[in-house]
């Protein structure tokens, strides 16, 4: 029994020393977004997360000429334009476009700086825009009519 206890203790010590050194922390990947021929202007860069291009909500909605409302209590953004209303909430996989419910591939999230990032492709396609991705250049292009 003593041998087992020593072995368990040694294994616990080794795992705290070896395991953290073998795990590589995920590195942030940044990209560029072009909306209707112009680079999306922002104080922060778009973030590529789990295969999704995430952008600050206000910049993308305004670039698509949508009006924007932010509810800080519920951490919900509502954007609207010509019969289209998009509603998204931080840390929620559900989103609404008009009265239809959709499941997102990446939750909107709030950065430590307090910015809400949302999924570029979802928003672009929700407003009827064409969204393309150039992986080698990390470039997302949104073209709306």
Protein backbone atom coordinates (compact mmCIF):
# COMPACT_ATOMS: atom_id res chain seq x y z
CA UNK A 1 0.00 0.00 0.00
CA UNK A 2 2.90 2.35 0.80
CA UNK A 3 4.39 1.71 -2.64
CA UNK A 4 1.08 2.64 -4.26
CA UNK A 5 0.85 5.85 -2.23
CA UNK A 6 4.43 6.82 -3.17
CA UNK A 7 3.75 6.01 -6.82
CA UNK A 8 0.57 8.11 -6.81
CA UNK A 9 2.39 11.01 -5.13
CA UNK A 10 5.28 10.81 -7.64
CA UNK A 11 2.85 10.66 -10.53
CA UNK A 12 1.01 13.72 -9.23
CA UNK A 13 4.30 15.67 -8.95
CA UNK A 14 5.41 14.63 -12.44
CA UNK A 15 2.09 15.58 -13.99
CA UNK A 16 2.32 19.11 -12.59
CA UNK A 17 5.82 19.50 -14.02
CA UNK A 18 5.59 17.70 -17.36
CA UNK A 19 2.01 18.17 -18.59
CA UNK A 20 1.85 21.99 -18.60
CA UNK A 21 5.09 22.16 -20.57
CA UNK A 22 3.75 19.87 -23.29
CA UNK A 23 0.53 21.81 -23.88
CA UNK A 24 0.87 24.63 -26.37
CA UNK A 25 -1.36 27.57 -25.64
CA UNK A 26 -3.59 28.58 -28.54
CA UNK A 27 -2.19 31.58 -30.35
CA UNK A 28 -4.50 34.33 -31.47
CA UNK A 29 -4.91 34.56 -35.23
CA UNK A 30 -5.92 37.89 -36.70
CA UNK A 31 -7.28 38.76 -40.10
CA UNK A 32 -8.54 41.56 -42.28
CA UNK A 33 -12.11 42.28 -43.30
CA UNK A 34 -13.13 44.14 -46.45
CA UNK A 35 -16.75 45.32 -46.72
CA UNK A 36 -17.91 46.54 -50.12
CA UNK A 37 -14.35 47.25 -51.23
CA UNK A 38 -13.20 49.05 -48.08
CA UNK A 39 -11.15 47.69 -45.18
CA UNK A 40 -13.28 47.50 -42.05
CA UNK A 41 -11.96 50.29 -39.83
CA UNK A 42 -11.59 49.36 -36.18
CA UNK A 43 -9.29 49.97 -33.25
CA UNK A 44 -9.03 46.19 -32.89
CA UNK A 45 -8.33 43.43 -35.38
CA UNK A 46 -10.75 40.71 -36.46
CA UNK A 47 -10.04 37.47 -34.59
CA UNK A 48 -10.15 34.06 -36.25
CA UNK A 49 -11.64 31.71 -33.63
CA UNK A 50 -12.59 28.08 -34.26
CA UNK A 51 -12.74 28.78 -37.99
CA UNK A 52 -14.96 31.85 -37.55
CA UNK A 53 -13.99 35.44 -38.30
CA UNK A 54 -15.12 37.44 -35.29
CA UNK A 55 -15.40 41.23 -35.46
CA UNK A 56 -16.50 44.03 -33.11
CA UNK A 57 -20.28 44.31 -33.50
CA UNK A 58 -20.62 48.05 -33.98
CA UNK A 59 -18.08 48.29 -36.80
CA UNK A 60 -19.58 45.50 -38.92
CA UNK A 61 -23.19 46.57 -38.45
CA UNK A 62 -22.40 50.20 -39.25
CA UNK A 63 -20.31 49.17 -42.29
CA UNK A 64 -23.43 47.37 -43.52
CA UNK A 65 -25.44 50.57 -42.87
CA UNK A 66 -27.47 49.12 -40.03
CA UNK A 67 -28.67 50.98 -36.97
CA UNK A 68 -27.33 49.50 -33.73
CA UNK A 69 -28.71 49.27 -30.20
CA UNK A 70 -26.75 47.82 -27.28
CA UNK A 71 -28.34 46.60 -24.04
CA UNK A 72 -25.54 46.49 -21.48
CA UNK A 73 -27.72 44.76 -18.88
CA UNK A 74 -28.43 41.69 -21.03
CA UNK A 75 -25.29 42.04 -23.19
CA UNK A 76 -27.49 41.98 -26.29
CA UNK A 77 -27.02 43.81 -29.56
CA UNK A 78 -29.88 44.53 -31.96
CA UNK A 79 -29.14 45.79 -35.45
CA UNK A 80 -31.71 46.69 -38.06
CA UNK A 81 -32.01 47.87 -41.63
CA UNK A 82 -34.77 47.78 -44.24
CA UNK A 83 -36.86 44.91 -42.86
CA UNK A 84 -33.95 42.97 -41.33
CA UNK A 85 -33.42 42.80 -37.58
CA UNK A 86 -30.54 40.80 -36.08
CA UNK A 87 -30.39 40.07 -32.36
CA UNK A 88 -27.36 38.46 -30.69
CA UNK A 89 -26.34 38.05 -27.05
CA UNK A 90 -22.89 37.48 -25.59
CA UNK A 91 -22.12 33.84 -24.75
CA UNK A 92 -25.33 32.61 -26.43
CA UNK A 93 -25.28 30.25 -29.44
CA UNK A 94 -28.78 31.42 -30.38
CA UNK A 95 -29.35 34.39 -32.66
CA UNK A 96 -32.46 35.86 -34.26
CA UNK A 97 -32.96 37.27 -37.71
CA UNK A 98 -36.41 38.84 -37.78
CA UNK A 99 -38.58 36.13 -36.19
CA UNK A 100 -36.37 33.16 -37.11
CA UNK A 101 -34.05 31.52 -34.58
CA UNK A 102 -30.57 30.34 -35.66
CA UNK A 103 -27.79 28.40 -34.00
CA UNK A 104 -24.39 30.07 -34.32
CA UNK A 105 -21.13 28.21 -34.94
CA UNK A 106 -19.36 30.48 -32.41
CA UNK A 107 -20.87 32.43 -29.54
CA UNK A 108 -20.51 36.19 -29.53
CA UNK A 109 -18.07 37.08 -26.76
CA UNK A 110 -16.92 40.08 -24.79
CA UNK A 111 -13.18 40.76 -24.70
CA UNK A 112 -11.36 41.83 -21.52
CA UNK A 113 -11.50 45.35 -22.99
CA UNK A 114 -15.30 45.15 -23.02
CA UNK A 115 -15.91 44.76 -26.78
CA UNK A 116 -18.56 42.37 -28.08
CA UNK A 117 -17.28 40.30 -31.01
CA UNK A 118 -19.75 38.66 -33.39
CA UNK A 119 -19.57 36.17 -36.27
CA UNK A 120 -18.90 37.98 -39.55
CA UNK A 121 -20.24 35.28 -41.89
CA UNK A 122 -23.51 34.94 -39.99
CA UNK A 123 -24.14 38.68 -40.10
CA UNK A 124 -23.11 39.06 -43.73
CA UNK A 125 -25.32 36.23 -44.90
CA UNK A 126 -28.21 37.42 -42.71
CA UNK A 127 -28.30 40.70 -44.63
CA UNK A 128 -28.02 38.91 -47.98
CA UNK A 129 -24.36 39.72 -48.61
CA UNK A 130 -21.84 37.40 -50.23
CA UNK A 131 -19.07 36.43 -47.81
CA UNK A 132 -15.80 34.88 -48.98
CA UNK A 133 -12.64 33.80 -47.17
CA UNK A 134 -9.03 33.79 -48.42
CA UNK A 135 -7.24 31.57 -45.89
CA UNK A 136 -3.69 32.20 -47.13
CA UNK A 137 -4.10 35.96 -46.60
CA UNK A 138 -6.55 35.68 -43.66
CA UNK A 139 -8.89 37.98 -45.59
CA UNK A 140 -12.67 37.99 -45.32
CA UNK A 141 -14.61 39.86 -47.99
CA UNK A 142 -18.24 40.92 -47.60
CA UNK A 143 -20.09 42.22 -50.65
CA UNK A 144 -23.63 43.51 -50.26
CA UNK A 145 -25.90 45.02 -52.88
